[in-house]
Amino acid sequence: MPHRLLDAYDLQLRAESELLHADRTGRHGPLWFAVFAGGYGFVTYADLAGADVALVTGYVDAAIAHFAAREDVTRIEWKTRSHDVAPGLHETLIARDFVPEDPESIMIGEAALLAKNVTVPDCVEIRQVRSDAEIFAMERMQGEIFGDPAWKERAEATVASIAGGADTELWIALVDGRVVSAGRLEPVADTDFAGLWGGATVPEWRGRGIYRALTAQRARSALERGKKYLNSDSTEFSRPILERAGLVKVSTTTPYVRVADGA
C-alpha cells in the first residue's frame, strides 16, 4: 500500500498543487516558484528525473536569482523529498547557504480511517472558526508554538483568502473562549486528497485527545467533500498520532531554508 499511496502523492500533490494561496511567480524547467504570506519564497517541482549534478546546480542558482529580484522575499525554502533522484542537491544547497530544517514524515491514509469518535474533556468545544478575530487567535497560537514571527501577516493573508472564497476549513478547539488547538483542512481541487495542515496544541492541553478529535472532524468533512485520502507533513510529535489513526509514512520531506539576498 505505501507504494500506491506514494504514487498518488507524486502524481496528484506535487508542483502546482502545492501552491494554494500563494503568489505564483514563475517557472524554470521543472521548477515552480511562489511567494507565500510573510515574504516566504518557495521552490518545488514534480521531480528532477534525468538531471545530473551540473543541471541540479543550475536549477538551484536559477531559483536564487529568481527570488533575488523580489524585494518582498525574506526567506527561500527549497522543499526536498527523500525518495527523489536529485544528484548533488544536498551539497549544492549547503554550498549556497541553504540550511536544512528538521525532516518531516509524509503521511497519507484513507479519510475513513480517521473519521472516528474521539472523547475530549467536557470543557473543550471543537468547531470551525466563525470570525476574523478567531482566525487571528488561531494564527497567533500557532505562531507562538512554531516560533513564527510572521504569524500576523499569515493571519491577514488567511482572512483575505477566506473572504475571497478559498476552499479552506479552519478548525479550532476552545476552552473558556481561548484557542488551545487548531488545524486546517485544505481540499485539493481535481484530486482525491485533502491536506491536514497547521495542527498545533498548547502544551498544557496536550495528551487529552484534542488533536485527534480535530483530525477526526476534518476527516469527516473531507469525506463529505468526496475526498478519499488525507495527507500531512508531520513532525515527530504528530506522526505517532496519525499512525495510530491509520495513516502511513510513505517518505520524508526536508525544507532547506536560505535568507534571501538583501533581507
C-alpha atoms as a PDB file:
ATOM      1  CA  MET A   1       0.000   0.000   0.000  1.00  0.00           C
ATOM      2  CA  PRO A   2       2.740   2.598   0.729  1.00  0.00           C
ATOM      3  CA  HIS A   3       3.935   2.441  -2.885  1.00  0.00           C
ATOM      4  CA  ARG A   4       0.394   3.009  -4.175  1.00  0.00           C
ATOM      5  CA  LEU A   5      -0.069   5.961  -1.826  1.00  0.00           C
ATOM      6  CA  LEU A   6       3.310   7.443  -2.746  1.00  0.00           C
ATOM      7  CA  ASP A   7       2.492   7.156  -6.449  1.00  0.00           C
ATOM      8  CA  ALA A   8      -0.788   9.016  -5.866  1.00  0.00           C
ATOM      9  CA  TYR A   9       1.091  11.688  -3.887  1.00  0.00           C
ATOM     10  CA  ASP A  10       3.670  12.241  -6.630  1.00  0.00           C
ATOM     11  CA  LEU A  11       1.037  12.309  -9.352  1.00  0.00           C
ATOM     12  CA  GLN A  12      -1.573  14.497  -7.676  1.00  0.00           C
ATOM     13  CA  LEU A  13       0.036  16.620  -4.954  1.00  0.00           C
ATOM     14  CA  ARG A  14       3.325  17.956  -6.252  1.00  0.00           C
ATOM     15  CA  ALA A  15       4.288  21.159  -8.049  1.00  0.00           C
ATOM     16  CA  GLU A  16       1.232  23.266  -8.931  1.00  0.00           C
ATOM     17  CA  SER A  17      -0.984  21.616  -6.318  1.00  0.00           C
ATOM     18  CA  GLU A  18       1.347  22.816  -3.546  1.00  0.00           C
ATOM     19  CA  LEU A  19       0.840  26.475  -4.343  1.00  0.00           C
ATOM     20  CA  LEU A  20      -2.612  27.059  -2.869  1.00  0.00           C
ATOM     21  CA  HIS A  21      -2.916  30.630  -1.559  1.00  0.00           C
ATOM     22  CA  ALA A  22       0.494  31.595  -2.972  1.00  0.00           C
ATOM     23  CA  ASP A  23       1.543  34.220  -5.476  1.00  0.00           C
ATOM     24  CA  ARG A  24       2.910  32.115  -8.318  1.00  0.00           C
ATOM     25  CA  THR A  25       5.912  33.989  -9.590  1.00  0.00           C
ATOM     26  CA  GLY A  26       7.432  31.874 -12.319  1.00  0.00           C
ATOM     27  CA  ARG A  27       8.936  28.642 -13.589  1.00  0.00           C
ATOM     28  CA  HIS A  28      12.330  27.390 -14.664  1.00  0.00           C
ATOM     29  CA  GLY A  29      12.474  23.977 -16.268  1.00  0.00           C
ATOM     30  CA  PRO A  30      10.692  21.611 -13.842  1.00  0.00           C
ATOM     31  CA  LEU A  31      10.794  24.174 -11.009  1.00  0.00           C
ATOM     32  CA  TRP A  32       7.815  26.138  -9.750  1.00  0.00           C
ATOM     33  CA  PHE A  33       8.415  29.406  -7.855  1.00  0.00           C
ATOM     34  CA  ALA A  34       5.941  31.064  -5.490  1.00  0.00           C
ATOM     35  CA  VAL A  35       5.750  33.559  -2.636  1.00  0.00           C
ATOM     36  CA  PHE A  36       3.612  32.963   0.441  1.00  0.00           C
ATOM     37  CA  ALA A  37       2.469  35.468   3.052  1.00  0.00           C
ATOM     38  CA  GLY A  38       5.274  36.915   5.141  1.00  0.00           C
ATOM     39  CA  GLY A  39       7.719  37.112   2.228  1.00  0.00           C
ATOM     40  CA  TYR A  40       8.351  33.377   2.090  1.00  0.00           C
ATOM     41  CA  GLY A  41       9.763  32.278  -1.258  1.00  0.00           C
ATOM     42  CA  PHE A  42       9.089  28.656  -2.172  1.00  0.00           C
ATOM     43  CA  VAL A  43      10.602  26.222  -4.677  1.00  0.00           C
ATOM     44  CA  THR A  44       9.007  22.924  -5.642  1.00  0.00           C
ATOM     45  CA  TYR A  45       8.739  20.504  -8.581  1.00  0.00           C
ATOM     46  CA  ALA A  46       7.216  17.194  -9.579  1.00  0.00           C
ATOM     47  CA  ASP A  47      10.608  15.530  -9.996  1.00  0.00           C
ATOM     48  CA  LEU A  48      14.105  16.154 -11.332  1.00  0.00           C
ATOM     49  CA  ALA A  49      14.366  12.871 -13.209  1.00  0.00           C
ATOM     50  CA  GLY A  50      17.335  12.713 -15.545  1.00  0.00           C
ATOM     51  CA  ALA A  51      19.164  15.711 -14.081  1.00  0.00           C
ATOM     52  CA  ASP A  52      22.870  15.368 -13.365  1.00  0.00           C
ATOM     53  CA  VAL A  53      24.889  17.338 -10.805  1.00  0.00           C
ATOM     54  CA  ALA A  54      25.566  20.210 -13.196  1.00  0.00           C
ATOM     55  CA  LEU A  55      21.903  20.588 -14.117  1.00  0.00           C
ATOM     56  CA  VAL A  56      20.786  20.393 -10.481  1.00  0.00           C
ATOM     57  CA  THR A  57      23.317  23.109  -9.607  1.00  0.00           C
ATOM     58  CA  GLY A  58      21.910  25.241 -12.394  1.00  0.00           C
ATOM     59  CA  TYR A  59      18.385  24.805 -11.034  1.00  0.00           C
ATOM     60  CA  VAL A  60      19.458  25.973  -7.571  1.00  0.00           C
ATOM     61  CA  ASP A  61      21.251  29.022  -8.985  1.00  0.00           C
ATOM     62  CA  ALA A  62      18.208  29.872 -11.113  1.00  0.00           C
ATOM     63  CA  ALA A  63      15.971  29.793  -8.030  1.00  0.00           C
ATOM     64  CA  ILE A  64      18.288  32.096  -6.088  1.00  0.00           C
ATOM     65  CA  ALA A  65      18.449  34.528  -8.999  1.00  0.00           C
ATOM     66  CA  HIS A  66      14.676  34.483  -9.399  1.00  0.00           C
ATOM     67  CA  PHE A  67      13.981  35.481  -5.797  1.00  0.00           C
ATOM     68  CA  ALA A  68      16.853  37.969  -5.670  1.00  0.00           C
ATOM     69  CA  ALA A  69      14.746  40.165  -7.962  1.00  0.00           C
ATOM     70  CA  ARG A  70      11.893  40.211  -5.411  1.00  0.00           C
ATOM     71  CA  GLU A  71      12.343  42.798  -2.672  1.00  0.00           C
ATOM     72  CA  ASP A  72       9.424  41.329  -0.704  1.00  0.00           C
ATOM     73  CA  VAL A  73      11.086  37.930  -0.239  1.00  0.00           C
ATOM     74  CA  THR A  74      12.953  37.456   3.039  1.00  0.00           C
ATOM     75  CA  ARG A  75      13.443  33.674   3.047  1.00  0.00           C
ATOM     76  CA  ILE A  76      13.577  30.963   0.413  1.00  0.00           C
ATOM     77  CA  GLU A  77      12.530  27.372   1.025  1.00  0.00           C
ATOM     78  CA  TRP A  78      13.564  24.512  -1.259  1.00  0.00           C
ATOM     79  CA  LYS A  79      11.337  21.531  -0.452  1.00  0.00           C
ATOM     80  CA  THR A  80      13.115  18.177  -0.852  1.00  0.00           C
ATOM     81  CA  ARG A  81      11.779  14.622  -0.661  1.00  0.00           C
ATOM     82  CA  SER A  82      13.929  11.678   0.329  1.00  0.00           C
ATOM     83  CA  HIS A  83      12.625   9.427  -2.461  1.00  0.00           C
ATOM     84  CA  ASP A  84      13.593  11.851  -5.234  1.00  0.00           C
ATOM     85  CA  VAL A  85      16.569  11.254  -7.519  1.00  0.00           C
ATOM     86  CA  ALA A  86      18.475  14.556  -7.461  1.00  0.00           C
ATOM     87  CA  PRO A  87      22.251  14.087  -7.725  1.00  0.00           C
ATOM     88  CA  GLY A  88      24.241  16.614  -5.705  1.00  0.00           C
ATOM     89  CA  LEU A  89      21.202  18.550  -4.484  1.00  0.00           C
ATOM     90  CA  HIS A  90      22.077  18.447  -0.781  1.00  0.00           C
ATOM     91  CA  GLU A  91      25.672  19.505  -1.384  1.00  0.00           C
ATOM     92  CA  THR A  92      24.637  22.314  -3.730  1.00  0.00           C
ATOM     93  CA  LEU A  93      22.024  23.690  -1.355  1.00  0.00           C
ATOM     94  CA  ILE A  94      24.501  23.683   1.539  1.00  0.00           C
ATOM     95  CA  ALA A  95      27.131  25.393  -0.630  1.00  0.00           C
ATOM     96  CA  ARG A  96      24.563  28.102  -1.488  1.00  0.00           C
ATOM     97  CA  ASP A  97      23.829  28.821   2.205  1.00  0.00           C
ATOM     98  CA  PHE A  98      20.617  26.837   2.491  1.00  0.00           C
ATOM     99  CA  VAL A  99      20.179  25.303   5.950  1.00  0.00           C
ATOM    100  CA  PRO A 100      18.255  22.031   6.342  1.00  0.00           C
ATOM    101  CA  GLU A 101      15.479  22.066   8.920  1.00  0.00           C
ATOM    102  CA  ASP A 102      14.113  19.017  10.711  1.00  0.00           C
ATOM    103  CA  PRO A 103      12.784  16.304   8.381  1.00  0.00           C
ATOM    104  CA  GLU A 104       9.053  15.661   8.451  1.00  0.00           C
ATOM    105  CA  SER A 105       7.197  12.465   7.623  1.00  0.00           C
ATOM    106  CA  ILE A 106       4.926  12.456   4.589  1.00  0.00           C
ATOM    107  CA  MET A 107       1.812  10.767   5.931  1.00  0.00           C
ATOM    108  CA  ILE A 108      -1.060   9.524   3.754  1.00  0.00           C
ATOM    109  CA  GLY A 109      -4.129   7.473   4.501  1.00  0.00           C
ATOM    110  CA  GLU A 110      -7.798   6.989   3.865  1.00  0.00           C
ATOM    111  CA  ALA A 111     -10.019   9.661   5.399  1.00  0.00           C
ATOM    112  CA  ALA A 112     -12.464   6.987   6.556  1.00  0.00           C
ATOM    113  CA  LEU A 113      -9.813   5.607   8.925  1.00  0.00           C
ATOM    114  CA  LEU A 114      -9.621   8.905  10.798  1.00  0.00           C
ATOM    115  CA  ALA A 115     -13.322   9.762  10.956  1.00  0.00           C
ATOM    116  CA  LYS A 116     -13.846   8.278  14.407  1.00  0.00           C
ATOM    117  CA  ASN A 117     -15.486   9.479  17.593  1.00  0.00           C
ATOM    118  CA  VAL A 118     -12.870  10.862  19.981  1.00  0.00           C
ATOM    119  CA  THR A 119     -13.692  11.799  23.568  1.00  0.00           C
ATOM    120  CA  VAL A 120     -12.357  15.122  24.866  1.00  0.00           C
ATOM    121  CA  PRO A 121     -12.889  16.917  28.203  1.00  0.00           C
ATOM    122  CA  ASP A 122     -16.366  18.419  28.597  1.00  0.00           C
ATOM    123  CA  CYS A 123     -14.922  21.945  28.758  1.00  0.00           C
ATOM    124  CA  VAL A 124     -13.499  21.664  25.223  1.00  0.00           C
ATOM    125  CA  GLU A 125     -15.536  22.942  22.273  1.00  0.00           C
ATOM    126  CA  ILE A 126     -14.463  21.877  18.779  1.00  0.00           C
ATOM    127  CA  ARG A 127     -15.831  23.745  15.765  1.00  0.00           C
ATOM    128  CA  GLN A 128     -14.928  25.776  12.684  1.00  0.00           C
ATOM    129  CA  VAL A 129     -13.869  29.396  13.090  1.00  0.00           C
ATOM    130  CA  ARG A 130     -16.647  31.977  12.979  1.00  0.00           C
ATOM    131  CA  SER A 131     -14.866  35.316  12.785  1.00  0.00           C
ATOM    132  CA  ASP A 132     -11.718  37.152  11.733  1.00  0.00           C
ATOM    133  CA  ALA A 133     -10.848  37.529  15.414  1.00  0.00           C
ATOM    134  CA  GLU A 134     -10.794  33.754  15.795  1.00  0.00           C
ATOM    135  CA  ILE A 135      -8.528  33.458  12.762  1.00  0.00           C
ATOM    136  CA  PHE A 136      -6.073  35.871  14.388  1.00  0.00           C
ATOM    137  CA  ALA A 137      -6.279  33.979  17.696  1.00  0.00           C
ATOM    138  CA  MET A 138      -5.644  30.694  15.874  1.00  0.00           C
ATOM    139  CA  GLU A 139      -2.683  32.024  13.896  1.00  0.00           C
ATOM    140  CA  ARG A 140      -1.164  33.697  16.960  1.00  0.00           C
ATOM    141  CA  MET A 141      -1.312  30.467  18.949  1.00  0.00           C
ATOM    142  CA  GLN A 142       0.307  28.515  16.124  1.00  0.00           C
ATOM    143  CA  GLY A 143       2.893  31.246  15.564  1.00  0.00           C
ATOM    144  CA  GLU A 144       3.926  31.099  19.212  1.00  0.00           C
ATOM    145  CA  ILE A 145       4.227  27.307  19.180  1.00  0.00           C
ATOM    146  CA  PHE A 146       6.169  27.145  15.909  1.00  0.00           C
ATOM    147  CA  GLY A 147       8.252  30.271  16.566  1.00  0.00           C
ATOM    148  CA  ASP A 148       6.850  32.035  13.508  1.00  0.00           C
ATOM    149  CA  PRO A 149       7.403  35.817  13.759  1.00  0.00           C
ATOM    150  CA  ALA A 150       5.275  36.367  10.646  1.00  0.00           C
ATOM    151  CA  TRP A 151       2.096  34.964  12.205  1.00  0.00           C
ATOM    152  CA  LYS A 152       0.252  38.284  11.932  1.00  0.00           C
ATOM    153  CA  GLU A 153       0.975  38.615   8.210  1.00  0.00           C
ATOM    154  CA  ARG A 154      -0.099  34.996   7.805  1.00  0.00           C
ATOM    155  CA  ALA A 155      -3.332  35.726   9.663  1.00  0.00           C
ATOM    156  CA  GLU A 156      -4.059  38.720   7.452  1.00  0.00           C
ATOM    157  CA  ALA A 157      -3.458  36.589   4.368  1.00  0.00           C
ATOM    158  CA  THR A 158      -5.740  33.878   5.745  1.00  0.00           C
ATOM    159  CA  VAL A 159      -8.520  36.382   6.407  1.00  0.00           C
ATOM    160  CA  ALA A 160      -8.187  37.741   2.876  1.00  0.00           C
ATOM    161  CA  SER A 161      -8.101  34.240   1.413  1.00  0.00           C
ATOM    162  CA  ILE A 162     -11.242  33.140   3.254  1.00  0.00           C
ATOM    163  CA  ALA A 163     -13.017  36.378   2.289  1.00  0.00           C
ATOM    164  CA  GLY A 164     -12.044  35.690  -1.320  1.00  0.00           C
ATOM    165  CA  GLY A 165     -13.774  32.313  -1.278  1.00  0.00           C
ATOM    166  CA  ALA A 166     -10.831  29.973  -0.642  1.00  0.00           C
ATOM    167  CA  ASP A 167     -11.910  26.363  -0.201  1.00  0.00           C
ATOM    168  CA  THR A 168     -10.246  26.074   3.203  1.00  0.00           C
ATOM    169  CA  GLU A 169     -11.689  24.981   6.516  1.00  0.00           C
ATOM    170  CA  LEU A 170     -10.216  26.284   9.784  1.00  0.00           C
ATOM    171  CA  TRP A 171     -10.971  24.178  12.862  1.00  0.00           C
ATOM    172  CA  ILE A 172     -10.325  25.193  16.461  1.00  0.00           C
ATOM    173  CA  ALA A 173     -10.670  23.797  19.948  1.00  0.00           C
ATOM    174  CA  LEU A 174     -11.659  26.313  22.615  1.00  0.00           C
ATOM    175  CA  VAL A 175     -11.593  26.292  26.405  1.00  0.00           C
ATOM    176  CA  ASP A 176     -13.368  29.260  28.005  1.00  0.00           C
ATOM    177  CA  GLY A 177     -13.082  31.125  24.713  1.00  0.00           C
ATOM    178  CA  ARG A 178      -9.339  30.535  24.361  1.00  0.00           C
ATOM    179  CA  VAL A 179      -7.978  28.706  21.304  1.00  0.00           C
ATOM    180  CA  VAL A 180      -5.996  25.752  22.665  1.00  0.00           C
ATOM    181  CA  SER A 181      -5.679  23.720  19.449  1.00  0.00           C
ATOM    182  CA  ALA A 182      -6.221  24.337  15.756  1.00  0.00           C
ATOM    183  CA  GLY A 183      -5.722  22.954  12.286  1.00  0.00           C
ATOM    184  CA  ARG A 184      -6.704  23.461   8.649  1.00  0.00           C
ATOM    185  CA  LEU A 185      -8.312  21.245   6.072  1.00  0.00           C
ATOM    186  CA  GLU A 186      -7.204  22.035   2.520  1.00  0.00           C
ATOM    187  CA  PRO A 187      -9.190  20.152  -0.130  1.00  0.00           C
ATOM    188  CA  VAL A 188      -7.042  19.990  -3.259  1.00  0.00           C
ATOM    189  CA  ALA A 189      -9.087  20.625  -6.380  1.00  0.00           C
ATOM    190  CA  ASP A 190      -9.167  17.915  -9.057  1.00  0.00           C
ATOM    191  CA  THR A 191      -7.503  15.347  -6.775  1.00  0.00           C
ATOM    192  CA  ASP A 192      -8.545  12.649  -4.325  1.00  0.00           C
ATOM    193  CA  PHE A 193      -6.775  14.488  -1.496  1.00  0.00           C
ATOM    194  CA  ALA A 194      -7.383  16.945   1.292  1.00  0.00           C
ATOM    195  CA  GLY A 195      -4.448  18.175   3.355  1.00  0.00           C
ATOM    196  CA  LEU A 196      -4.196  18.355   7.137  1.00  0.00           C
ATOM    197  CA  TRP A 197      -2.089  21.410   7.953  1.00  0.00           C
ATOM    198  CA  GLY A 198      -1.166  23.679  10.819  1.00  0.00           C
ATOM    199  CA  GLY A 199      -2.001  21.224  13.585  1.00  0.00           C
ATOM    200  CA  ALA A 200      -0.931  22.608  16.957  1.00  0.00           C
ATOM    201  CA  THR A 201      -1.997  22.333  20.588  1.00  0.00           C
ATOM    202  CA  VAL A 202      -0.806  24.454  23.503  1.00  0.00           C
ATOM    203  CA  PRO A 203       1.448  22.419  25.840  1.00  0.00           C
ATOM    204  CA  GLU A 204      -0.865  22.313  28.860  1.00  0.00           C
ATOM    205  CA  TRP A 205      -3.705  20.770  26.809  1.00  0.00           C
ATOM    206  CA  ARG A 206      -1.716  18.076  25.028  1.00  0.00           C
ATOM    207  CA  GLY A 207      -2.345  14.396  25.649  1.00  0.00           C
ATOM    208  CA  ARG A 208      -6.116  14.790  26.118  1.00  0.00           C
ATOM    209  CA  GLY A 209      -7.326  13.702  22.688  1.00  0.00           C
ATOM    210  CA  ILE A 210      -7.926  17.214  21.370  1.00  0.00           C
ATOM    211  CA  TYR A 211      -5.617  16.954  18.344  1.00  0.00           C
ATOM    212  CA  ARG A 212      -7.087  13.567  17.425  1.00  0.00           C
ATOM    213  CA  ALA A 213     -10.601  14.978  17.739  1.00  0.00           C
ATOM    214  CA  LEU A 214      -9.748  17.910  15.468  1.00  0.00           C
ATOM    215  CA  THR A 215      -8.276  15.459  12.983  1.00  0.00           C
ATOM    216  CA  ALA A 216     -11.405  13.286  13.109  1.00  0.00           C
ATOM    217  CA  GLN A 217     -13.622  16.311  12.459  1.00  0.00           C
ATOM    218  CA  ARG A 218     -11.550  17.292   9.466  1.00  0.00           C
ATOM    219  CA  ALA A 219     -11.625  13.712   8.176  1.00  0.00           C
ATOM    220  CA  ARG A 220     -15.416  13.666   8.327  1.00  0.00           C
ATOM    221  CA  SER A 221     -15.554  16.936   6.438  1.00  0.00           C
ATOM    222  CA  ALA A 222     -13.144  15.610   3.803  1.00  0.00           C
ATOM    223  CA  LEU A 223     -15.377  12.581   3.240  1.00  0.00           C
ATOM    224  CA  GLU A 224     -18.395  14.852   2.850  1.00  0.00           C
ATOM    225  CA  ARG A 225     -16.447  16.698   0.157  1.00  0.00           C
ATOM    226  CA  GLY A 226     -15.743  13.483  -1.709  1.00  0.00           C
ATOM    227  CA  LYS A 227     -12.077  13.232  -0.781  1.00  0.00           C
ATOM    228  CA  LYS A 228     -10.669   9.746  -0.303  1.00  0.00           C
ATOM    229  CA  TYR A 229      -7.207  10.485   1.079  1.00  0.00           C
ATOM    230  CA  LEU A 230      -5.711  12.769   3.696  1.00  0.00           C
ATOM    231  CA  ASN A 231      -2.095  13.874   3.650  1.00  0.00           C
ATOM    232  CA  SER A 232       0.119  15.673   6.108  1.00  0.00           C
ATOM    233  CA  ASP A 233       3.771  16.597   6.560  1.00  0.00           C
ATOM    234  CA  SER A 234       4.111  15.584  10.190  1.00  0.00           C
ATOM    235  CA  THR A 235       6.555  16.363  12.962  1.00  0.00           C
ATOM    236  CA  GLU A 236       7.697  13.597  15.260  1.00  0.00           C
ATOM    237  CA  PHE A 237       5.063  14.784  17.745  1.00  0.00           C
ATOM    238  CA  SER A 238       2.077  14.388  15.410  1.00  0.00           C
ATOM    239  CA  ARG A 239       3.338  11.403  13.378  1.00  0.00           C
ATOM    240  CA  PRO A 240       2.530   8.735  16.020  1.00  0.00           C
ATOM    241  CA  ILE A 241      -0.997  10.144  16.423  1.00  0.00           C
ATOM    242  CA  LEU A 242      -1.662   9.890  12.696  1.00  0.00           C
ATOM    243  CA  GLU A 243      -0.102   6.416  12.538  1.00  0.00           C
ATOM    244  CA  ARG A 244      -2.437   5.203  15.281  1.00  0.00           C
ATOM    245  CA  ALA A 245      -5.328   6.576  13.239  1.00  0.00           C
ATOM    246  CA  GLY A 246      -4.241   4.603  10.185  1.00  0.00           C
ATOM    247  CA  LEU A 247      -2.077   6.935   8.114  1.00  0.00           C
ATOM    248  CA  VAL A 248       1.129   5.545   6.629  1.00  0.00           C
ATOM    249  CA  LYS A 249       4.555   7.138   6.345  1.00  0.00           C
ATOM    250  CA  VAL A 250       5.441   6.999   2.635  1.00  0.00           C
ATOM    251  CA  SER A 251       8.550   9.213   2.566  1.00  0.00           C
ATOM    252  CA  THR A 252      10.129  12.199   4.287  1.00  0.00           C
ATOM    253  CA  THR A 253      10.428  15.838   3.303  1.00  0.00           C
ATOM    254  CA  THR A 254      13.132  18.247   4.437  1.00  0.00           C
ATOM    255  CA  PRO A 255      12.893  22.006   3.886  1.00  0.00           C
ATOM    256  CA  TYR A 256      16.160  23.786   3.124  1.00  0.00           C
ATOM    257  CA  VAL A 257      15.875  27.465   4.030  1.00  0.00           C
ATOM    258  CA  ARG A 258      18.047  30.369   2.945  1.00  0.00           C
ATOM    259  CA  VAL A 259      17.916  34.012   3.995  1.00  0.00           C
ATOM    260  CA  ALA A 260      17.180  35.934   0.816  1.00  0.00           C
ATOM    261  CA  ASP A 261      19.771  38.344  -0.581  1.00  0.00           C
ATOM    262  CA  GLY A 262      19.187  41.785   0.885  1.00  0.00           C
ATOM    263  CA  ALA A 263      16.909  40.544   3.690  1.00  0.00           C
END
